[in-house]
Amino acid sequence: MITKTIQITEVTVEELADEVANKLMLKIENYLKELSKKKNDEILTRQEVADYLKISFATIYSWNKHGILNPIRMGNRVFYRKQDILNVLEQQKINKKK
């Protein structure tokens, strides 16, 4: 176990508390950004997309054909980026508001 000694001089309790709070907020913001990145960088199979959107394989095929979804093909496997799906959903939400 590593121990460190910190000596603080001429700092009020409020200044120390503010400084600790600022550092903690930075750490929390960075953690949330990384957590968000990891979740949305996921690659999904057709089955996972169908379950996530509650749609059939026929609908997925149709959306691929019409360019709504952009599949990633590797051999005979088809994958989708979760972020792409979320972007399509967000775009549909924006279009309906207009």
C-alpha atoms as a PDB file:
ATOM      1  CA  MET A   1       0.000   0.000   0.000  1.00  0.00           C
ATOM      2  CA  ILE A   2       1.327   3.413  -0.975  1.00  0.00           C
ATOM      3  CA  THR A   3       0.746   6.309   1.384  1.00  0.00           C
ATOM      4  CA  LYS A   4       1.260   9.975   0.631  1.00  0.00           C
ATOM      5  CA  THR A   5       1.370  12.961   2.903  1.00  0.00           C
ATOM      6  CA  ILE A   6      -0.175  16.209   1.735  1.00  0.00           C
ATOM      7  CA  GLN A   7       0.553  19.455   3.528  1.00  0.00           C
ATOM      8  CA  ILE A   8      -1.913  22.297   3.010  1.00  0.00           C
ATOM      9  CA  THR A   9      -1.201  25.822   4.135  1.00  0.00           C
ATOM     10  CA  GLU A  10      -3.214  29.036   3.909  1.00  0.00           C
ATOM     11  CA  VAL A  11      -6.351  27.445   2.470  1.00  0.00           C
ATOM     12  CA  THR A  12      -9.799  27.863   3.933  1.00  0.00           C
ATOM     13  CA  VAL A  13     -12.071  24.896   4.401  1.00  0.00           C
ATOM     14  CA  GLU A  14     -14.432  26.303   1.742  1.00  0.00           C
ATOM     15  CA  GLU A  15     -11.598  26.635  -0.807  1.00  0.00           C
ATOM     16  CA  LEU A  16     -10.469  23.091  -0.120  1.00  0.00           C
ATOM     17  CA  ALA A  17     -14.026  21.778  -0.409  1.00  0.00           C
ATOM     18  CA  ASP A  18     -14.515  23.648  -3.714  1.00  0.00           C
ATOM     19  CA  GLU A  19     -11.284  22.277  -5.128  1.00  0.00           C
ATOM     20  CA  VAL A  20     -12.169  18.711  -4.125  1.00  0.00           C
ATOM     21  CA  ALA A  21     -15.672  19.134  -5.589  1.00  0.00           C
ATOM     22  CA  ASN A  22     -14.261  20.434  -8.883  1.00  0.00           C
ATOM     23  CA  LYS A  23     -11.855  17.508  -9.225  1.00  0.00           C
ATOM     24  CA  LEU A  24     -14.595  15.041  -8.339  1.00  0.00           C
ATOM     25  CA  MET A  25     -16.959  16.548 -10.939  1.00  0.00           C
ATOM     26  CA  LEU A  26     -14.272  16.225 -13.628  1.00  0.00           C
ATOM     27  CA  LYS A  27     -13.737  12.577 -12.744  1.00  0.00           C
ATOM     28  CA  ILE A  28     -17.496  11.878 -12.788  1.00  0.00           C
ATOM     29  CA  GLU A  29     -17.961  13.644 -16.157  1.00  0.00           C
ATOM     30  CA  ASN A  30     -15.106  11.658 -17.705  1.00  0.00           C
ATOM     31  CA  TYR A  31     -16.512   8.413 -16.314  1.00  0.00           C
ATOM     32  CA  LEU A  32     -19.977   9.147 -17.739  1.00  0.00           C
ATOM     33  CA  LYS A  33     -18.519  10.010 -21.157  1.00  0.00           C
ATOM     34  CA  GLU A  34     -16.576   6.744 -21.257  1.00  0.00           C
ATOM     35  CA  LEU A  35     -19.605   4.792 -20.096  1.00  0.00           C
ATOM     36  CA  SER A  36     -21.735   6.388 -22.798  1.00  0.00           C
ATOM     37  CA  LYS A  37     -19.129   5.672 -25.488  1.00  0.00           C
ATOM     38  CA  LYS A  38     -18.838   2.010 -24.535  1.00  0.00           C
ATOM     39  CA  LYS A  39     -22.586   1.458 -24.578  1.00  0.00           C
ATOM     40  CA  ASN A  40     -23.141   3.044 -27.967  1.00  0.00           C
ATOM     41  CA  ASP A  41     -20.105   1.488 -29.652  1.00  0.00           C
ATOM     42  CA  GLU A  42     -21.707  -1.922 -29.418  1.00  0.00           C
ATOM     43  CA  ILE A  43     -22.145  -4.103 -32.493  1.00  0.00           C
ATOM     44  CA  LEU A  44     -25.494  -5.893 -32.704  1.00  0.00           C
ATOM     45  CA  THR A  45     -26.630  -8.950 -34.647  1.00  0.00           C
ATOM     46  CA  ARG A  46     -29.878  -9.017 -36.622  1.00  0.00           C
ATOM     47  CA  GLN A  47     -31.524 -10.909 -33.778  1.00  0.00           C
ATOM     48  CA  GLU A  48     -30.407  -8.294 -31.240  1.00  0.00           C
ATOM     49  CA  VAL A  49     -31.670  -5.468 -33.478  1.00  0.00           C
ATOM     50  CA  ALA A  50     -35.000  -7.246 -33.930  1.00  0.00           C
ATOM     51  CA  ASP A  51     -35.331  -7.699 -30.166  1.00  0.00           C
ATOM     52  CA  TYR A  52     -34.190  -4.137 -29.406  1.00  0.00           C
ATOM     53  CA  LEU A  53     -36.604  -2.509 -31.872  1.00  0.00           C
ATOM     54  CA  LYS A  54     -39.304  -5.191 -31.502  1.00  0.00           C
ATOM     55  CA  ILE A  55     -39.455  -5.760 -35.260  1.00  0.00           C
ATOM     56  CA  SER A  56     -39.211  -8.781 -37.573  1.00  0.00           C
ATOM     57  CA  PHE A  57     -36.327  -9.877 -39.793  1.00  0.00           C
ATOM     58  CA  ALA A  58     -38.481  -8.914 -42.794  1.00  0.00           C
ATOM     59  CA  THR A  59     -38.676  -5.340 -41.509  1.00  0.00           C
ATOM     60  CA  ILE A  60     -34.923  -5.266 -40.964  1.00  0.00           C
ATOM     61  CA  TYR A  61     -34.411  -6.524 -44.538  1.00  0.00           C
ATOM     62  CA  SER A  62     -36.774  -3.860 -45.874  1.00  0.00           C
ATOM     63  CA  TRP A  63     -35.051  -1.098 -43.907  1.00  0.00           C
ATOM     64  CA  ASN A  64     -31.660  -2.303 -45.218  1.00  0.00           C
ATOM     65  CA  LYS A  65     -33.000  -2.236 -48.797  1.00  0.00           C
ATOM     66  CA  HIS A  66     -34.371   1.308 -48.392  1.00  0.00           C
ATOM     67  CA  GLY A  67     -31.215   2.608 -46.702  1.00  0.00           C
ATOM     68  CA  ILE A  68     -32.789   3.214 -43.301  1.00  0.00           C
ATOM     69  CA  LEU A  69     -30.313   0.883 -41.618  1.00  0.00           C
ATOM     70  CA  ASN A  70     -26.711   0.437 -42.722  1.00  0.00           C
ATOM     71  CA  PRO A  71     -25.552  -3.125 -42.121  1.00  0.00           C
ATOM     72  CA  ILE A  72     -21.952  -4.189 -41.679  1.00  0.00           C
ATOM     73  CA  ARG A  73     -21.366  -7.409 -43.606  1.00  0.00           C
ATOM     74  CA  MET A  74     -18.615  -9.825 -42.632  1.00  0.00           C
ATOM     75  CA  GLY A  75     -18.799 -13.003 -44.655  1.00  0.00           C
ATOM     76  CA  ASN A  76     -22.359 -14.254 -44.408  1.00  0.00           C
ATOM     77  CA  ARG A  77     -22.930 -12.424 -41.092  1.00  0.00           C
ATOM     78  CA  VAL A  78     -24.719  -9.072 -40.780  1.00  0.00           C
ATOM     79  CA  PHE A  79     -24.108  -6.634 -37.948  1.00  0.00           C
ATOM     80  CA  TYR A  80     -25.304  -3.148 -36.996  1.00  0.00           C
ATOM     81  CA  ARG A  81     -23.767  -0.384 -34.909  1.00  0.00           C
ATOM     82  CA  LYS A  82     -26.003   0.483 -31.982  1.00  0.00           C
ATOM     83  CA  GLN A  83     -25.140   4.169 -32.402  1.00  0.00           C
ATOM     84  CA  ASP A  84     -26.400   4.062 -36.016  1.00  0.00           C
ATOM     85  CA  ILE A  85     -29.710   2.640 -34.827  1.00  0.00           C
ATOM     86  CA  LEU A  86     -30.004   5.301 -32.127  1.00  0.00           C
ATOM     87  CA  ASN A  87     -29.244   7.980 -34.739  1.00  0.00           C
ATOM     88  CA  VAL A  88     -32.035   6.663 -36.999  1.00  0.00           C
ATOM     89  CA  LEU A  89     -34.474   6.728 -34.093  1.00  0.00           C
ATOM     90  CA  GLU A  90     -33.421  10.279 -33.169  1.00  0.00           C
ATOM     91  CA  GLN A  91     -33.772  11.409 -36.792  1.00  0.00           C
ATOM     92  CA  GLN A  92     -37.301   9.968 -36.957  1.00  0.00           C
ATOM     93  CA  LYS A  93     -38.163  11.799 -33.744  1.00  0.00           C
ATOM     94  CA  ILE A  94     -36.890  15.085 -35.225  1.00  0.00           C
ATOM     95  CA  ASN A  95     -38.779  14.555 -38.511  1.00  0.00           C
ATOM     96  CA  LYS A  96     -42.074  13.960 -36.692  1.00  0.00           C
ATOM     97  CA  LYS A  97     -41.731  17.240 -34.780  1.00  0.00           C
ATOM     98  CA  LYS A  98     -41.566  19.250 -38.043  1.00  0.00           C
END
